[in-house]
């Protein structure tokens, strides 16, 4: 059996591929600006079968990742503005940066939200070059079965 090439980590992350196989798409539609379908995801990776939602309420943690991504974006645009245009207290350059940065944040927010989900899942699921023969990553319980279990009687 010929060994497959390992997909690049950063390319897989930014093209929003499954973290386990780095081949299957995480979203059913590639366009994040179709707002009704921004979060439309298959339950599992079509390539390796990795479930994307590892537990009930799994995606709530993406709020922290989204915050970090947007802060990093703001810092990057501030540094780029400072280096390329400069900052001054005698004119309105700082306010121009704030306005342009705000508009960019609003326009890029659907992509940032998707990217935050991908980054968050990449924290928990690692690349597996033998993904075709190994078990998928799960937490200690199945999402469907967790609430169906009865408490032990004393």
Protein backbone atom coordinates (compact mmCIF):
# COMPACT_ATOMS: atom_id res chain seq x y z
CA UNK A 1 0.00 0.00 0.00
CA UNK A 2 1.45 3.36 -1.03
CA UNK A 3 1.85 5.89 1.76
CA UNK A 4 -0.20 9.04 1.30
CA UNK A 5 1.44 12.43 1.63
CA UNK A 6 0.71 14.19 4.92
CA UNK A 7 -1.39 17.29 4.24
CA UNK A 8 0.11 20.54 5.55
CA UNK A 9 -1.21 21.56 8.98
CA UNK A 10 -1.72 25.26 8.19
CA UNK A 11 -3.23 24.63 4.76
CA UNK A 12 -5.67 22.13 6.28
CA UNK A 13 -6.57 24.51 9.09
CA UNK A 14 -7.20 27.54 6.88
CA UNK A 15 -8.99 25.51 4.20
CA UNK A 16 -11.14 24.14 7.05
CA UNK A 17 -10.46 20.43 6.68
CA UNK A 18 -11.01 17.69 9.27
CA UNK A 19 -8.19 17.64 11.84
CA UNK A 20 -7.96 13.84 11.90
CA UNK A 21 -7.47 13.14 8.19
CA UNK A 22 -6.92 16.72 6.92
CA UNK A 23 -8.86 15.80 3.81
CA UNK A 24 -12.59 15.91 4.52
CA UNK A 25 -14.36 19.30 4.51
CA UNK A 26 -15.74 20.52 7.83
CA UNK A 27 -18.50 22.61 6.22
CA UNK A 28 -21.06 21.63 3.61
CA UNK A 29 -20.74 24.98 1.83
CA UNK A 30 -17.41 26.69 1.17
CA UNK A 31 -18.87 30.22 1.25
CA UNK A 32 -19.12 31.54 4.85
CA UNK A 33 -21.00 34.65 3.72
CA UNK A 34 -24.14 32.65 2.91
CA UNK A 35 -25.34 33.47 6.41
CA UNK A 36 -28.11 30.85 6.56
CA UNK A 37 -25.51 28.16 5.89
CA UNK A 38 -22.51 29.58 7.77
CA UNK A 39 -22.49 26.80 10.40
CA UNK A 40 -23.92 24.00 8.25
CA UNK A 41 -21.66 21.02 8.97
CA UNK A 42 -21.98 17.29 8.43
CA UNK A 43 -22.20 15.25 11.63
CA UNK A 44 -19.04 13.37 10.69
CA UNK A 45 -16.13 13.80 8.33
CA UNK A 46 -17.05 12.25 4.97
CA UNK A 47 -13.46 10.99 4.57
CA UNK A 48 -12.61 9.42 7.96
CA UNK A 49 -15.86 9.39 9.94
CA UNK A 50 -14.59 11.66 12.75
CA UNK A 51 -17.56 13.21 14.60
CA UNK A 52 -17.25 16.97 14.66
CA UNK A 53 -19.33 17.65 17.78
CA UNK A 54 -17.51 15.67 20.46
CA UNK A 55 -20.10 16.31 23.18
CA UNK A 56 -23.31 18.20 23.80
CA UNK A 57 -22.55 21.94 23.80
CA UNK A 58 -19.04 21.36 22.45
CA UNK A 59 -19.02 24.52 20.33
CA UNK A 60 -19.54 26.92 23.26
CA UNK A 61 -15.77 26.96 23.77
CA UNK A 62 -15.28 28.56 20.38
CA UNK A 63 -16.28 31.92 21.85
CA UNK A 64 -12.87 32.12 23.54
CA UNK A 65 -11.08 31.14 20.35
CA UNK A 66 -13.10 33.67 18.34
CA UNK A 67 -12.18 36.39 20.82
CA UNK A 68 -8.48 35.53 20.55
CA UNK A 69 -8.64 35.44 16.73
CA UNK A 70 -10.32 38.85 16.49
CA UNK A 71 -7.93 40.41 19.02
CA UNK A 72 -4.97 39.02 17.03
CA UNK A 73 -6.50 40.46 13.85
CA UNK A 74 -6.93 43.89 15.50
CA UNK A 75 -3.35 43.88 16.77
CA UNK A 76 -2.06 42.85 13.32
CA UNK A 77 -4.02 45.61 11.55
CA UNK A 78 -2.89 48.16 14.16
CA UNK A 79 0.78 47.24 13.69
CA UNK A 80 0.41 47.25 9.90
CA UNK A 81 -1.31 50.66 10.02
CA UNK A 82 1.36 52.06 12.35
CA UNK A 83 4.21 50.81 10.15
CA UNK A 84 2.68 51.72 6.79
CA UNK A 85 0.74 54.90 7.58
CA UNK A 86 1.76 55.91 11.07
CA UNK A 87 -0.13 57.14 14.11
CA UNK A 88 -0.43 60.72 15.22
CA UNK A 89 -2.30 62.68 17.83
CA UNK A 90 -2.49 65.75 15.58
CA UNK A 91 -4.73 64.22 12.91
CA UNK A 92 -7.39 61.53 12.59
CA UNK A 93 -5.25 58.57 11.47
CA UNK A 94 -6.07 56.56 14.60
CA UNK A 95 -9.80 57.03 14.04
CA UNK A 96 -9.45 56.03 10.40
CA UNK A 97 -7.77 52.81 11.56
CA UNK A 98 -10.57 52.20 14.08
CA UNK A 99 -13.24 52.70 11.42
CA UNK A 100 -11.57 50.54 8.78
CA UNK A 101 -10.74 47.86 11.36
CA UNK A 102 -14.36 47.84 12.57
CA UNK A 103 -15.69 47.44 9.03
CA UNK A 104 -13.21 44.62 8.35
CA UNK A 105 -14.22 42.86 11.59
CA UNK A 106 -17.89 42.95 10.62
CA UNK A 107 -17.20 41.76 7.06
CA UNK A 108 -14.84 38.96 8.14
CA UNK A 109 -16.90 37.79 11.14
CA UNK A 110 -18.55 34.78 9.39
CA UNK A 111 -15.11 33.53 8.33
CA UNK A 112 -13.69 34.19 11.81
CA UNK A 113 -16.53 32.20 13.41
CA UNK A 114 -15.91 29.24 11.11
CA UNK A 115 -12.16 29.43 11.64
CA UNK A 116 -12.70 29.48 15.41
CA UNK A 117 -14.63 26.21 15.22
CA UNK A 118 -11.88 24.64 13.18
CA UNK A 119 -9.13 25.82 15.54
CA UNK A 120 -11.12 24.63 18.57
CA UNK A 121 -11.61 21.16 17.10
CA UNK A 122 -7.91 21.02 16.22
CA UNK A 123 -7.17 21.38 19.98
CA UNK A 124 -8.93 18.09 20.71
CA UNK A 125 -8.43 15.96 17.60
CA UNK A 126 -4.93 15.33 16.28
CA UNK A 127 -3.81 14.18 12.85
CA UNK A 128 -3.78 10.41 12.41
CA UNK A 129 -1.94 9.14 9.35
CA UNK A 130 -3.57 5.71 9.89
CA UNK A 131 -7.07 7.20 10.08
CA UNK A 132 -8.48 4.47 7.82
CA UNK A 133 -7.76 1.70 10.34
CA UNK A 134 -7.85 3.44 13.76
CA UNK A 135 -10.85 4.49 15.84
CA UNK A 136 -12.18 8.03 15.74
CA UNK A 137 -11.51 10.43 18.63
CA UNK A 138 -14.35 10.69 21.13
CA UNK A 139 -14.72 11.77 24.72
CA UNK A 140 -15.53 9.26 27.46
CA UNK A 141 -19.16 9.04 26.47
CA UNK A 142 -21.28 9.11 23.37
CA UNK A 143 -23.28 12.30 22.79
CA UNK A 144 -26.48 10.36 22.10
CA UNK A 145 -26.17 7.96 25.05
CA UNK A 146 -24.97 10.27 27.81
CA UNK A 147 -28.36 11.58 28.93
CA UNK A 148 -30.13 8.23 28.45
CA UNK A 149 -28.12 6.45 31.15
CA UNK A 150 -29.88 5.89 34.44
CA UNK A 151 -28.29 6.79 37.73
CA UNK A 152 -27.25 3.75 39.78
CA UNK A 153 -29.69 2.98 42.58
CA UNK A 154 -28.41 3.01 46.16
